[in-house]
């Protein structure tokens, strides 16, 4: 019993300092900086608490604490997970744990209630701890493991093995005119737009080479990320794939299909199965604890053939999703400012 408790303590302690990627602190700092540069950071959200901490610091700390197992481990393990799929909602788990969509709904209610009761001049105008919590879950929705329910630990490949520098994301900064709510009215709608943006990127092609057994030049190949390297591709029905071809993160249409490919209504009530990274998990005995091969350009065996994916392909996918995470973080701030 003592050994089990010790093992659990070590696991929780390790995970408490490994903030999942998109790197929540970097994403948040860039999102806030760009809002300020564009003159869009809301004046009614600029304040300091009694400890002299600025509002941005409050939101970032609240964001990071969502992954702090020493403080929020019980909540993450038994109340809300950070998994969310925008077209196939994930069912409540056997232990009663809900998922990110329910968490965002609850945080939204808590924010609105607190905002409506903070009328004393000495109190801050906005209860920004809840904003930081919602930002964290919206950022997670730009991470494929969270959208496709891929069980992952602290060394998850997508979240920790492909380094993207802050300067690389700054170089991709869009125009200020693109930083808008784009008709999204609630944090749940922003969360859904984030998840759909992730699925859209995973439905794009990845380039890789098939290595020839005779040592001749590699054969160039192309396939979709979602079908080749990720599990739970069942979320991509024909109707969903057709919908995603038209999806635009800057003008998000949230009217996702409500029936399956056989026109049976209610298909979205089926929960996703737990999964892994498919062929990117090749040779790994315990994906849940050991992570995966995402980001490594080592050789992969698929149906008896050997393939290799260049590291730049992993970076390309991840940079786009990190930029989307910045935009949706900014949307949460613009929404909160209106309340």
C-alpha atoms as a PDB file:
ATOM      1  CA  UNK A   1       0.000   0.000   0.000  1.00  0.00           C
ATOM      2  CA  UNK A   2       2.805   2.403   0.911  1.00  0.00           C
ATOM      3  CA  UNK A   3       4.541   1.684  -2.401  1.00  0.00           C
ATOM      4  CA  UNK A   4       1.334   2.450  -4.319  1.00  0.00           C
ATOM      5  CA  UNK A   5       0.863   5.746  -2.501  1.00  0.00           C
ATOM      6  CA  UNK A   6       4.494   6.662  -3.148  1.00  0.00           C
ATOM      7  CA  UNK A   7       4.194   5.836  -6.848  1.00  0.00           C
ATOM      8  CA  UNK A   8       1.037   7.932  -7.163  1.00  0.00           C
ATOM      9  CA  UNK A   9       2.695  10.810  -5.320  1.00  0.00           C
ATOM     10  CA  UNK A  10       5.699  10.705  -7.651  1.00  0.00           C
ATOM     11  CA  UNK A  11       3.467  10.614 -10.726  1.00  0.00           C
ATOM     12  CA  UNK A  12       1.388  13.543  -9.566  1.00  0.00           C
ATOM     13  CA  UNK A  13       4.454  15.522  -8.522  1.00  0.00           C
ATOM     14  CA  UNK A  14       6.067  14.964 -11.908  1.00  0.00           C
ATOM     15  CA  UNK A  15       2.978  15.956 -13.874  1.00  0.00           C
ATOM     16  CA  UNK A  16       2.318  19.056 -11.792  1.00  0.00           C
ATOM     17  CA  UNK A  17       5.236  20.887 -13.365  1.00  0.00           C
ATOM     18  CA  UNK A  18       4.856  19.614 -16.915  1.00  0.00           C
ATOM     19  CA  UNK A  19       2.377  22.044 -18.452  1.00  0.00           C
ATOM     20  CA  UNK A  20       0.951  20.485 -21.570  1.00  0.00           C
ATOM     21  CA  UNK A  21       1.578  22.025 -24.934  1.00  0.00           C
ATOM     22  CA  UNK A  22       0.485  24.254 -26.497  1.00  0.00           C
ATOM     23  CA  UNK A  23       2.830  25.833 -23.894  1.00  0.00           C
ATOM     24  CA  UNK A  24       0.193  27.619 -21.866  1.00  0.00           C
ATOM     25  CA  UNK A  25       2.405  30.379 -20.522  1.00  0.00           C
ATOM     26  CA  UNK A  26       3.947  31.266 -23.903  1.00  0.00           C
ATOM     27  CA  UNK A  27       0.604  31.126 -25.676  1.00  0.00           C
ATOM     28  CA  UNK A  28      -1.036  33.363 -23.076  1.00  0.00           C
ATOM     29  CA  UNK A  29       1.794  35.889 -22.998  1.00  0.00           C
ATOM     30  CA  UNK A  30       1.795  36.173 -26.788  1.00  0.00           C
ATOM     31  CA  UNK A  31      -1.991  36.469 -26.894  1.00  0.00           C
ATOM     32  CA  UNK A  32      -2.015  39.289 -24.333  1.00  0.00           C
ATOM     33  CA  UNK A  33       0.964  41.067 -25.929  1.00  0.00           C
ATOM     34  CA  UNK A  34      -0.687  41.066 -29.340  1.00  0.00           C
ATOM     35  CA  UNK A  35      -3.934  42.391 -27.896  1.00  0.00           C
ATOM     36  CA  UNK A  36      -1.978  45.228 -26.326  1.00  0.00           C
ATOM     37  CA  UNK A  37       0.006  45.923 -29.487  1.00  0.00           C
ATOM     38  CA  UNK A  38      -3.231  46.150 -31.441  1.00  0.00           C
ATOM     39  CA  UNK A  39      -4.886  48.353 -28.812  1.00  0.00           C
ATOM     40  CA  UNK A  40      -7.439  45.610 -28.160  1.00  0.00           C
ATOM     41  CA  UNK A  41      -6.690  44.628 -24.567  1.00  0.00           C
ATOM     42  CA  UNK A  42      -9.856  45.669 -22.682  1.00  0.00           C
ATOM     43  CA  UNK A  43      -9.395  48.575 -20.281  1.00  0.00           C
ATOM     44  CA  UNK A  44     -11.945  47.097 -17.885  1.00  0.00           C
ATOM     45  CA  UNK A  45      -9.712  44.047 -17.459  1.00  0.00           C
ATOM     46  CA  UNK A  46      -6.606  45.960 -16.416  1.00  0.00           C
ATOM     47  CA  UNK A  47      -6.253  45.966 -12.635  1.00  0.00           C
ATOM     48  CA  UNK A  48      -4.112  44.799  -9.742  1.00  0.00           C
ATOM     49  CA  UNK A  49      -5.215  42.695  -6.794  1.00  0.00           C
ATOM     50  CA  UNK A  50      -4.355  43.420  -3.161  1.00  0.00           C
ATOM     51  CA  UNK A  51      -0.989  41.728  -3.639  1.00  0.00           C
ATOM     52  CA  UNK A  52      -0.144  44.055  -6.502  1.00  0.00           C
ATOM     53  CA  UNK A  53      -0.493  41.319  -9.104  1.00  0.00           C
ATOM     54  CA  UNK A  54      -1.632  42.550 -12.498  1.00  0.00           C
ATOM     55  CA  UNK A  55      -4.701  41.064 -14.157  1.00  0.00           C
ATOM     56  CA  UNK A  56      -2.627  39.326 -16.838  1.00  0.00           C
ATOM     57  CA  UNK A  57      -0.610  37.583 -14.136  1.00  0.00           C
ATOM     58  CA  UNK A  58      -3.798  36.449 -12.401  1.00  0.00           C
ATOM     59  CA  UNK A  59      -5.106  34.885 -15.608  1.00  0.00           C
ATOM     60  CA  UNK A  60      -1.814  33.181 -16.449  1.00  0.00           C
ATOM     61  CA  UNK A  61      -1.454  31.723 -12.956  1.00  0.00           C
ATOM     62  CA  UNK A  62      -5.030  30.473 -12.987  1.00  0.00           C
ATOM     63  CA  UNK A  63      -4.387  28.948 -16.403  1.00  0.00           C
ATOM     64  CA  UNK A  64      -1.266  27.092 -15.306  1.00  0.00           C
ATOM     65  CA  UNK A  65      -2.857  25.821 -12.099  1.00  0.00           C
ATOM     66  CA  UNK A  66      -5.346  23.798 -14.147  1.00  0.00           C
ATOM     67  CA  UNK A  67      -2.490  21.354 -14.814  1.00  0.00           C
ATOM     68  CA  UNK A  68      -1.036  21.529 -11.307  1.00  0.00           C
ATOM     69  CA  UNK A  69      -1.740  18.120  -9.799  1.00  0.00           C
ATOM     70  CA  UNK A  70      -0.614  19.215  -6.350  1.00  0.00           C
ATOM     71  CA  UNK A  71      -3.428  21.762  -6.298  1.00  0.00           C
ATOM     72  CA  UNK A  72      -5.999  20.480  -8.777  1.00  0.00           C
ATOM     73  CA  UNK A  73      -5.177  16.788  -9.109  1.00  0.00           C
ATOM     74  CA  UNK A  74      -8.421  15.591  -7.549  1.00  0.00           C
ATOM     75  CA  UNK A  75     -10.458  17.869  -9.803  1.00  0.00           C
ATOM     76  CA  UNK A  76      -8.639  16.730 -12.939  1.00  0.00           C
ATOM     77  CA  UNK A  77      -8.822  13.040 -12.044  1.00  0.00           C
ATOM     78  CA  UNK A  78     -12.416  12.903 -10.789  1.00  0.00           C
ATOM     79  CA  UNK A  79     -14.333  16.050 -11.830  1.00  0.00           C
ATOM     80  CA  UNK A  80     -13.172  17.381 -15.199  1.00  0.00           C
ATOM     81  CA  UNK A  81     -10.692  15.975 -17.676  1.00  0.00           C
ATOM     82  CA  UNK A  82      -9.259  18.171 -20.439  1.00  0.00           C
ATOM     83  CA  UNK A  83     -10.490  15.983 -23.309  1.00  0.00           C
ATOM     84  CA  UNK A  84     -12.954  17.546 -25.750  1.00  0.00           C
ATOM     85  CA  UNK A  85     -14.228  16.571 -29.193  1.00  0.00           C
ATOM     86  CA  UNK A  86     -16.379  19.101 -31.083  1.00  0.00           C
ATOM     87  CA  UNK A  87     -18.327  16.634 -33.258  1.00  0.00           C
ATOM     88  CA  UNK A  88     -18.525  13.537 -31.075  1.00  0.00           C
ATOM     89  CA  UNK A  89     -19.025  14.533 -27.431  1.00  0.00           C
ATOM     90  CA  UNK A  90     -17.227  12.361 -24.913  1.00  0.00           C
ATOM     91  CA  UNK A  91     -19.446  10.585 -22.414  1.00  0.00           C
ATOM     92  CA  UNK A  92     -19.175  10.946 -18.676  1.00  0.00           C
ATOM     93  CA  UNK A  93     -16.678   8.396 -17.400  1.00  0.00           C
ATOM     94  CA  UNK A  94     -17.311   5.510 -15.005  1.00  0.00           C
ATOM     95  CA  UNK A  95     -16.037   7.576 -12.057  1.00  0.00           C
ATOM     96  CA  UNK A  96     -18.375  10.468 -12.863  1.00  0.00           C
ATOM     97  CA  UNK A  97     -15.675  12.629 -14.443  1.00  0.00           C
ATOM     98  CA  UNK A  98     -16.967  15.096 -17.007  1.00  0.00           C
ATOM     99  CA  UNK A  99     -14.920  16.561 -19.833  1.00  0.00           C
ATOM    100  CA  UNK A 100     -13.728  19.974 -20.944  1.00  0.00           C
ATOM    101  CA  UNK A 101     -17.033  21.061 -22.471  1.00  0.00           C
ATOM    102  CA  UNK A 102     -18.827  20.669 -19.139  1.00  0.00           C
ATOM    103  CA  UNK A 103     -15.963  22.406 -17.346  1.00  0.00           C
ATOM    104  CA  UNK A 104     -16.164  25.414 -19.660  1.00  0.00           C
ATOM    105  CA  UNK A 105     -19.931  25.613 -19.156  1.00  0.00           C
ATOM    106  CA  UNK A 106     -19.507  25.566 -15.371  1.00  0.00           C
ATOM    107  CA  UNK A 107     -16.650  28.103 -15.416  1.00  0.00           C
ATOM    108  CA  UNK A 108     -18.748  30.381 -17.637  1.00  0.00           C
ATOM    109  CA  UNK A 109     -21.653  30.313 -15.170  1.00  0.00           C
ATOM    110  CA  UNK A 110     -19.286  30.984 -12.285  1.00  0.00           C
ATOM    111  CA  UNK A 111     -17.692  33.915 -14.120  1.00  0.00           C
ATOM    112  CA  UNK A 112     -20.998  35.536 -15.041  1.00  0.00           C
ATOM    113  CA  UNK A 113     -22.359  35.129 -11.501  1.00  0.00           C
ATOM    114  CA  UNK A 114     -19.231  36.644  -9.962  1.00  0.00           C
ATOM    115  CA  UNK A 115     -19.094  39.462 -12.526  1.00  0.00           C
ATOM    116  CA  UNK A 116     -22.700  40.395 -11.769  1.00  0.00           C
ATOM    117  CA  UNK A 117     -22.133  40.506  -8.006  1.00  0.00           C
ATOM    118  CA  UNK A 118     -18.841  42.463  -7.970  1.00  0.00           C
ATOM    119  CA  UNK A 119     -20.326  45.944  -7.737  1.00  0.00           C
ATOM    120  CA  UNK A 120     -18.224  47.323  -4.882  1.00  0.00           C
ATOM    121  CA  UNK A 121     -15.797  49.966  -6.213  1.00  0.00           C
ATOM    122  CA  UNK A 122     -12.914  48.413  -4.263  1.00  0.00           C
ATOM    123  CA  UNK A 123     -13.287  45.047  -5.992  1.00  0.00           C
ATOM    124  CA  UNK A 124     -11.875  44.208  -9.428  1.00  0.00           C
ATOM    125  CA  UNK A 125     -14.369  44.466 -12.244  1.00  0.00           C
ATOM    126  CA  UNK A 126     -13.724  40.988 -13.575  1.00  0.00           C
ATOM    127  CA  UNK A 127     -13.309  37.639 -11.754  1.00  0.00           C
ATOM    128  CA  UNK A 128     -10.320  36.665 -13.878  1.00  0.00           C
ATOM    129  CA  UNK A 129      -9.475  33.377 -12.181  1.00  0.00           C
ATOM    130  CA  UNK A 130     -12.378  31.811 -14.107  1.00  0.00           C
ATOM    131  CA  UNK A 131     -11.116  33.416 -17.308  1.00  0.00           C
ATOM    132  CA  UNK A 132      -7.735  31.753 -16.842  1.00  0.00           C
ATOM    133  CA  UNK A 133      -9.420  28.391 -16.320  1.00  0.00           C
ATOM    134  CA  UNK A 134     -11.435  28.720 -19.517  1.00  0.00           C
ATOM    135  CA  UNK A 135      -8.373  29.874 -21.435  1.00  0.00           C
ATOM    136  CA  UNK A 136      -6.509  26.729 -20.386  1.00  0.00           C
ATOM    137  CA  UNK A 137      -9.196  24.400 -21.745  1.00  0.00           C
ATOM    138  CA  UNK A 138      -9.576  26.379 -24.967  1.00  0.00           C
ATOM    139  CA  UNK A 139      -5.819  26.171 -25.461  1.00  0.00           C
ATOM    140  CA  UNK A 140      -5.928  22.410 -24.861  1.00  0.00           C
ATOM    141  CA  UNK A 141      -8.456  22.118 -27.691  1.00  0.00           C
ATOM    142  CA  UNK A 142      -5.637  23.047 -30.087  1.00  0.00           C
ATOM    143  CA  UNK A 143      -3.779  19.902 -29.036  1.00  0.00           C
ATOM    144  CA  UNK A 144      -4.696  16.728 -30.996  1.00  0.00           C
ATOM    145  CA  UNK A 145      -4.381  14.407 -27.964  1.00  0.00           C
ATOM    146  CA  UNK A 146      -7.116  16.377 -26.215  1.00  0.00           C
ATOM    147  CA  UNK A 147      -9.461  16.447 -29.210  1.00  0.00           C
ATOM    148  CA  UNK A 148      -9.036  12.773 -30.207  1.00  0.00           C
ATOM    149  CA  UNK A 149      -8.836  11.414 -26.642  1.00  0.00           C
ATOM    150  CA  UNK A 150      -5.291  10.101 -26.880  1.00  0.00           C
ATOM    151  CA  UNK A 151      -4.154   9.109 -23.407  1.00  0.00           C
ATOM    152  CA  UNK A 152      -0.859  10.848 -22.801  1.00  0.00           C
ATOM    153  CA  UNK A 153       1.540  11.544 -19.975  1.00  0.00           C
ATOM    154  CA  UNK A 154       4.132  14.230 -19.279  1.00  0.00           C
ATOM    155  CA  UNK A 155       6.390  13.255 -22.175  1.00  0.00           C
ATOM    156  CA  UNK A 156       3.667  13.292 -24.804  1.00  0.00           C
ATOM    157  CA  UNK A 157       5.243  13.791 -28.219  1.00  0.00           C
ATOM    158  CA  UNK A 158       2.957  16.492 -29.583  1.00  0.00           C
ATOM    159  CA  UNK A 159       3.113  18.466 -26.388  1.00  0.00           C
ATOM    160  CA  UNK A 160       6.747  18.121 -25.412  1.00  0.00           C
ATOM    161  CA  UNK A 161       9.018  16.758 -28.147  1.00  0.00           C
ATOM    162  CA  UNK A 162       8.634  19.349 -30.913  1.00  0.00           C
ATOM    163  CA  UNK A 163      10.120  22.642 -29.798  1.00  0.00           C
ATOM    164  CA  UNK A 164       8.602  25.794 -31.252  1.00  0.00           C
ATOM    165  CA  UNK A 165      10.374  29.022 -30.315  1.00  0.00           C
ATOM    166  CA  UNK A 166       8.480  32.134 -29.317  1.00  0.00           C
ATOM    167  CA  UNK A 167      10.156  34.014 -32.189  1.00  0.00           C
ATOM    168  CA  UNK A 168       8.737  31.534 -34.678  1.00  0.00           C
ATOM    169  CA  UNK A 169       5.210  32.249 -33.505  1.00  0.00           C
ATOM    170  CA  UNK A 170       5.818  35.992 -33.388  1.00  0.00           C
ATOM    171  CA  UNK A 171       6.917  35.839 -37.018  1.00  0.00           C
ATOM    172  CA  UNK A 172       3.508  34.373 -37.888  1.00  0.00           C
ATOM    173  CA  UNK A 173       1.555  37.177 -36.193  1.00  0.00           C
ATOM    174  CA  UNK A 174      -1.566  37.981 -38.241  1.00  0.00           C
ATOM    175  CA  UNK A 175      -3.025  41.425 -38.820  1.00  0.00           C
ATOM    176  CA  UNK A 176      -4.888  43.100 -35.960  1.00  0.00           C
ATOM    177  CA  UNK A 177      -8.074  43.000 -38.039  1.00  0.00           C
ATOM    178  CA  UNK A 178      -8.213  39.213 -37.669  1.00  0.00           C
ATOM    179  CA  UNK A 179      -8.366  39.351 -33.862  1.00  0.00           C
ATOM    180  CA  UNK A 180     -12.139  39.321 -33.393  1.00  0.00           C
ATOM    181  CA  UNK A 181     -14.855  37.196 -31.836  1.00  0.00           C
ATOM    182  CA  UNK A 182     -16.026  36.390 -35.379  1.00  0.00           C
ATOM    183  CA  UNK A 183     -19.603  36.013 -34.206  1.00  0.00           C
ATOM    184  CA  UNK A 184     -18.782  33.580 -31.399  1.00  0.00           C
ATOM    185  CA  UNK A 185     -21.042  34.368 -28.459  1.00  0.00           C
ATOM    186  CA  UNK A 186     -19.919  32.117 -25.609  1.00  0.00           C
ATOM    187  CA  UNK A 187     -16.773  30.358 -24.357  1.00  0.00           C
ATOM    188  CA  UNK A 188     -18.382  27.059 -25.428  1.00  0.00           C
ATOM    189  CA  UNK A 189     -18.618  28.332 -29.002  1.00  0.00           C
ATOM    190  CA  UNK A 190     -14.975  29.417 -28.826  1.00  0.00           C
ATOM    191  CA  UNK A 191     -14.046  25.980 -27.484  1.00  0.00           C
ATOM    192  CA  UNK A 192     -15.915  24.291 -30.325  1.00  0.00           C
ATOM    193  CA  UNK A 193     -14.239  26.519 -32.910  1.00  0.00           C
ATOM    194  CA  UNK A 194     -10.860  25.582 -31.402  1.00  0.00           C
ATOM    195  CA  UNK A 195     -11.618  21.865 -31.583  1.00  0.00           C
ATOM    196  CA  UNK A 196     -12.879  22.114 -35.156  1.00  0.00           C
ATOM    197  CA  UNK A 197      -9.766  24.062 -36.119  1.00  0.00           C
ATOM    198  CA  UNK A 198      -7.642  21.229 -34.755  1.00  0.00           C
ATOM    199  CA  UNK A 199      -9.621  18.598 -36.650  1.00  0.00           C
ATOM    200  CA  UNK A 200      -9.335  20.667 -39.826  1.00  0.00           C
ATOM    201  CA  UNK A 201      -5.548  20.776 -39.527  1.00  0.00           C
ATOM    202  CA  UNK A 202      -5.370  17.033 -38.816  1.00  0.00           C
ATOM    203  CA  UNK A 203      -7.372  16.425 -41.981  1.00  0.00           C
ATOM    204  CA  UNK A 204      -4.672  18.148 -44.027  1.00  0.00           C
ATOM    205  CA  UNK A 205      -1.893  16.172 -45.637  1.00  0.00           C
ATOM    206  CA  UNK A 206       1.458  15.194 -44.169  1.00  0.00           C
ATOM    207  CA  UNK A 207       4.399  14.426 -46.435  1.00  0.00           C
ATOM    208  CA  UNK A 208       6.638  11.442 -45.806  1.00  0.00           C
ATOM    209  CA  UNK A 209       8.894   9.033 -47.645  1.00  0.00           C
ATOM    210  CA  UNK A 210       8.620   5.286 -48.181  1.00  0.00           C
ATOM    211  CA  UNK A 211      12.086   3.767 -47.873  1.00  0.00           C
ATOM    212  CA  UNK A 212      12.852   1.244 -50.594  1.00  0.00           C
ATOM    213  CA  UNK A 213      14.248  -2.152 -49.594  1.00  0.00           C
ATOM    214  CA  UNK A 214      16.785  -2.090 -52.434  1.00  0.00           C
ATOM    215  CA  UNK A 215      18.307   1.159 -51.211  1.00  0.00           C
ATOM    216  CA  UNK A 216      16.989   3.211 -54.121  1.00  0.00           C
ATOM    217  CA  UNK A 217      15.615   6.734 -53.759  1.00  0.00           C
ATOM    218  CA  UNK A 218      12.741   7.022 -51.239  1.00  0.00           C
ATOM    219  CA  UNK A 219       9.288   7.191 -52.765  1.00  0.00           C
ATOM    220  CA  UNK A 220       7.456  10.410 -51.922  1.00  0.00           C
ATOM    221  CA  UNK A 221       4.142   9.857 -50.164  1.00  0.00           C
ATOM    222  CA  UNK A 222       1.289  12.009 -48.858  1.00  0.00           C
ATOM    223  CA  UNK A 223      -1.616  11.213 -46.529  1.00  0.00           C
ATOM    224  CA  UNK A 224      -3.851  12.856 -43.963  1.00  0.00           C
ATOM    225  CA  UNK A 225      -2.543  13.224 -40.410  1.00  0.00           C
ATOM    226  CA  UNK A 226      -5.893  12.078 -39.038  1.00  0.00           C
ATOM    227  CA  UNK A 227      -5.936   8.802 -40.967  1.00  0.00           C
ATOM    228  CA  UNK A 228      -2.248   7.885 -40.906  1.00  0.00           C
ATOM    229  CA  UNK A 229      -0.773   8.869 -37.560  1.00  0.00           C
ATOM    230  CA  UNK A 230      -3.674   9.439 -35.150  1.00  0.00           C
ATOM    231  CA  UNK A 231      -6.161   7.114 -33.538  1.00  0.00           C
ATOM    232  CA  UNK A 232      -9.918   7.636 -33.193  1.00  0.00           C
ATOM    233  CA  UNK A 233     -10.251   8.532 -36.847  1.00  0.00           C
ATOM    234  CA  UNK A 234     -13.869   7.384 -36.524  1.00  0.00           C
ATOM    235  CA  UNK A 235     -14.675  10.962 -35.586  1.00  0.00           C
ATOM    236  CA  UNK A 236     -14.037  11.785 -39.233  1.00  0.00           C
ATOM    237  CA  UNK A 237     -17.227  10.614 -40.903  1.00  0.00           C
ATOM    238  CA  UNK A 238     -17.811  11.548 -44.535  1.00  0.00           C
ATOM    239  CA  UNK A 239     -20.143  14.344 -43.418  1.00  0.00           C
ATOM    240  CA  UNK A 240     -17.611  15.711 -40.946  1.00  0.00           C
ATOM    241  CA  UNK A 241     -14.852  15.625 -43.552  1.00  0.00           C
ATOM    242  CA  UNK A 242     -17.049  17.499 -46.018  1.00  0.00           C
ATOM    243  CA  UNK A 243     -17.896  20.044 -43.336  1.00  0.00           C
ATOM    244  CA  UNK A 244     -14.239  20.557 -42.413  1.00  0.00           C
ATOM    245  CA  UNK A 245     -13.249  21.353 -45.991  1.00  0.00           C
ATOM    246  CA  UNK A 246     -15.278  24.559 -45.616  1.00  0.00           C
ATOM    247  CA  UNK A 247     -14.311  25.355 -42.035  1.00  0.00           C
ATOM    248  CA  UNK A 248     -12.415  28.622 -41.525  1.00  0.00           C
ATOM    249  CA  UNK A 249     -10.967  29.493 -38.094  1.00  0.00           C
ATOM    250  CA  UNK A 250     -11.415  33.221 -38.862  1.00  0.00           C
ATOM    251  CA  UNK A 251     -15.083  32.793 -39.852  1.00  0.00           C
ATOM    252  CA  UNK A 252     -16.074  29.689 -37.910  1.00  0.00           C
ATOM    253  CA  UNK A 253     -19.309  27.962 -38.849  1.00  0.00           C
ATOM    254  CA  UNK A 254     -20.286  25.728 -35.932  1.00  0.00           C
ATOM    255  CA  UNK A 255     -23.173  23.907 -37.615  1.00  0.00           C
ATOM    256  CA  UNK A 256     -21.532  20.490 -37.517  1.00  0.00           C
ATOM    257  CA  UNK A 257     -23.396  17.379 -38.766  1.00  0.00           C
ATOM    258  CA  UNK A 258     -26.030  15.953 -36.438  1.00  0.00           C
ATOM    259  CA  UNK A 259     -26.356  12.557 -38.142  1.00  0.00           C
ATOM    260  CA  UNK A 260     -23.963   9.851 -39.238  1.00  0.00           C
ATOM    261  CA  UNK A 261     -23.148   8.768 -42.791  1.00  0.00           C
ATOM    262  CA  UNK A 262     -26.368   6.717 -42.866  1.00  0.00           C
ATOM    263  CA  UNK A 263     -28.431   9.786 -41.866  1.00  0.00           C
ATOM    264  CA  UNK A 264     -29.167   8.331 -38.441  1.00  0.00           C
ATOM    265  CA  UNK A 265     -29.745  11.216 -36.042  1.00  0.00           C
ATOM    266  CA  UNK A 266     -27.925  11.322 -32.747  1.00  0.00           C
ATOM    267  CA  UNK A 267     -24.655   9.780 -33.890  1.00  0.00           C
ATOM    268  CA  UNK A 268     -22.779  12.358 -31.822  1.00  0.00           C
ATOM    269  CA  UNK A 269     -23.995  10.801 -28.568  1.00  0.00           C
ATOM    270  CA  UNK A 270     -21.537   7.941 -29.010  1.00  0.00           C
ATOM    271  CA  UNK A 271     -18.393   8.534 -27.016  1.00  0.00           C
ATOM    272  CA  UNK A 272     -14.932   8.286 -28.485  1.00  0.00           C
ATOM    273  CA  UNK A 273     -12.886   5.226 -27.641  1.00  0.00           C
ATOM    274  CA  UNK A 274      -9.648   5.821 -25.789  1.00  0.00           C
ATOM    275  CA  UNK A 275      -6.726   5.635 -28.165  1.00  0.00           C
ATOM    276  CA  UNK A 276      -3.087   6.248 -28.942  1.00  0.00           C
ATOM    277  CA  UNK A 277      -1.005   7.702 -31.753  1.00  0.00           C
ATOM    278  CA  UNK A 278      -1.422   4.739 -34.063  1.00  0.00           C
ATOM    279  CA  UNK A 279       1.800   4.024 -35.961  1.00  0.00           C
ATOM    280  CA  UNK A 280       3.562   6.777 -34.047  1.00  0.00           C
ATOM    281  CA  UNK A 281       3.248   4.483 -31.035  1.00  0.00           C
ATOM    282  CA  UNK A 282       5.129   1.665 -32.794  1.00  0.00           C
ATOM    283  CA  UNK A 283       7.389  -0.224 -30.422  1.00  0.00           C
ATOM    284  CA  UNK A 284       6.098   1.535 -27.321  1.00  0.00           C
ATOM    285  CA  UNK A 285       4.629  -0.897 -24.829  1.00  0.00           C
ATOM    286  CA  UNK A 286       2.813   1.561 -22.563  1.00  0.00           C
ATOM    287  CA  UNK A 287       1.624   4.684 -24.371  1.00  0.00           C
ATOM    288  CA  UNK A 288      -0.241   5.984 -21.326  1.00  0.00           C
ATOM    289  CA  UNK A 289       2.948   6.368 -19.314  1.00  0.00           C
ATOM    290  CA  UNK A 290       5.705   6.571 -21.891  1.00  0.00           C
ATOM    291  CA  UNK A 291       4.398   8.951 -24.504  1.00  0.00           C
ATOM    292  CA  UNK A 292       4.928   8.321 -28.211  1.00  0.00           C
ATOM    293  CA  UNK A 293       7.113   8.943 -31.245  1.00  0.00           C
ATOM    294  CA  UNK A 294       5.428  12.122 -32.456  1.00  0.00           C
ATOM    295  CA  UNK A 295       8.155  14.569 -33.442  1.00  0.00           C
ATOM    296  CA  UNK A 296      10.840  11.957 -33.937  1.00  0.00           C
ATOM    297  CA  UNK A 297      12.002  11.439 -37.507  1.00  0.00           C
ATOM    298  CA  UNK A 298      12.833   7.805 -36.830  1.00  0.00           C
ATOM    299  CA  UNK A 299      11.658   5.039 -39.122  1.00  0.00           C
ATOM    300  CA  UNK A 300       8.084   3.830 -38.813  1.00  0.00           C
ATOM    301  CA  UNK A 301       6.776   0.437 -39.904  1.00  0.00           C
ATOM    302  CA  UNK A 302       3.336   0.497 -41.513  1.00  0.00           C
ATOM    303  CA  UNK A 303       1.933  -2.721 -42.958  1.00  0.00           C
ATOM    304  CA  UNK A 304       5.384  -4.137 -43.539  1.00  0.00           C
ATOM    305  CA  UNK A 305       6.770  -1.030 -45.226  1.00  0.00           C
ATOM    306  CA  UNK A 306       9.172   1.476 -43.714  1.00  0.00           C
ATOM    307  CA  UNK A 307       8.420   5.206 -43.715  1.00  0.00           C
ATOM    308  CA  UNK A 308      10.109   8.286 -42.363  1.00  0.00           C
ATOM    309  CA  UNK A 309       8.581  11.679 -41.561  1.00  0.00           C
ATOM    310  CA  UNK A 310      10.856  14.710 -41.528  1.00  0.00           C
ATOM    311  CA  UNK A 311      10.919  16.714 -38.325  1.00  0.00           C
ATOM    312  CA  UNK A 312       9.850  19.838 -40.212  1.00  0.00           C
ATOM    313  CA  UNK A 313       6.490  18.207 -40.944  1.00  0.00           C
ATOM    314  CA  UNK A 314       5.769  17.873 -37.225  1.00  0.00           C
ATOM    315  CA  UNK A 315       6.790  21.500 -36.648  1.00  0.00           C
ATOM    316  CA  UNK A 316       4.583  22.715 -39.477  1.00  0.00           C
ATOM    317  CA  UNK A 317       1.483  21.125 -37.948  1.00  0.00           C
ATOM    318  CA  UNK A 318       2.271  22.269 -34.451  1.00  0.00           C
ATOM    319  CA  UNK A 319       3.011  25.893 -35.355  1.00  0.00           C
ATOM    320  CA  UNK A 320      -0.368  26.291 -37.047  1.00  0.00           C
ATOM    321  CA  UNK A 321      -2.179  24.844 -34.032  1.00  0.00           C
ATOM    322  CA  UNK A 322      -0.240  27.043 -31.613  1.00  0.00           C
ATOM    323  CA  UNK A 323      -1.210  30.123 -33.626  1.00  0.00           C
ATOM    324  CA  UNK A 324      -4.848  29.042 -33.529  1.00  0.00           C
ATOM    325  CA  UNK A 325      -4.526  28.672 -29.761  1.00  0.00           C
ATOM    326  CA  UNK A 326      -3.328  32.267 -29.488  1.00  0.00           C
ATOM    327  CA  UNK A 327      -6.332  33.517 -31.451  1.00  0.00           C
ATOM    328  CA  UNK A 328      -8.847  31.589 -29.371  1.00  0.00           C
ATOM    329  CA  UNK A 329      -7.191  32.797 -26.162  1.00  0.00           C
ATOM    330  CA  UNK A 330      -7.728  36.345 -27.387  1.00  0.00           C
ATOM    331  CA  UNK A 331     -11.353  35.540 -28.128  1.00  0.00           C
ATOM    332  CA  UNK A 332     -11.955  34.467 -24.531  1.00  0.00           C
ATOM    333  CA  UNK A 333     -10.552  37.825 -23.366  1.00  0.00           C
ATOM    334  CA  UNK A 334     -12.753  39.780 -25.786  1.00  0.00           C
ATOM    335  CA  UNK A 335     -15.800  37.802 -24.622  1.00  0.00           C
ATOM    336  CA  UNK A 336     -15.051  38.342 -20.941  1.00  0.00           C
ATOM    337  CA  UNK A 337     -14.661  42.068 -21.442  1.00  0.00           C
ATOM    338  CA  UNK A 338     -18.272  42.317 -22.596  1.00  0.00           C
ATOM    339  CA  UNK A 339     -19.698  40.853 -19.377  1.00  0.00           C
END
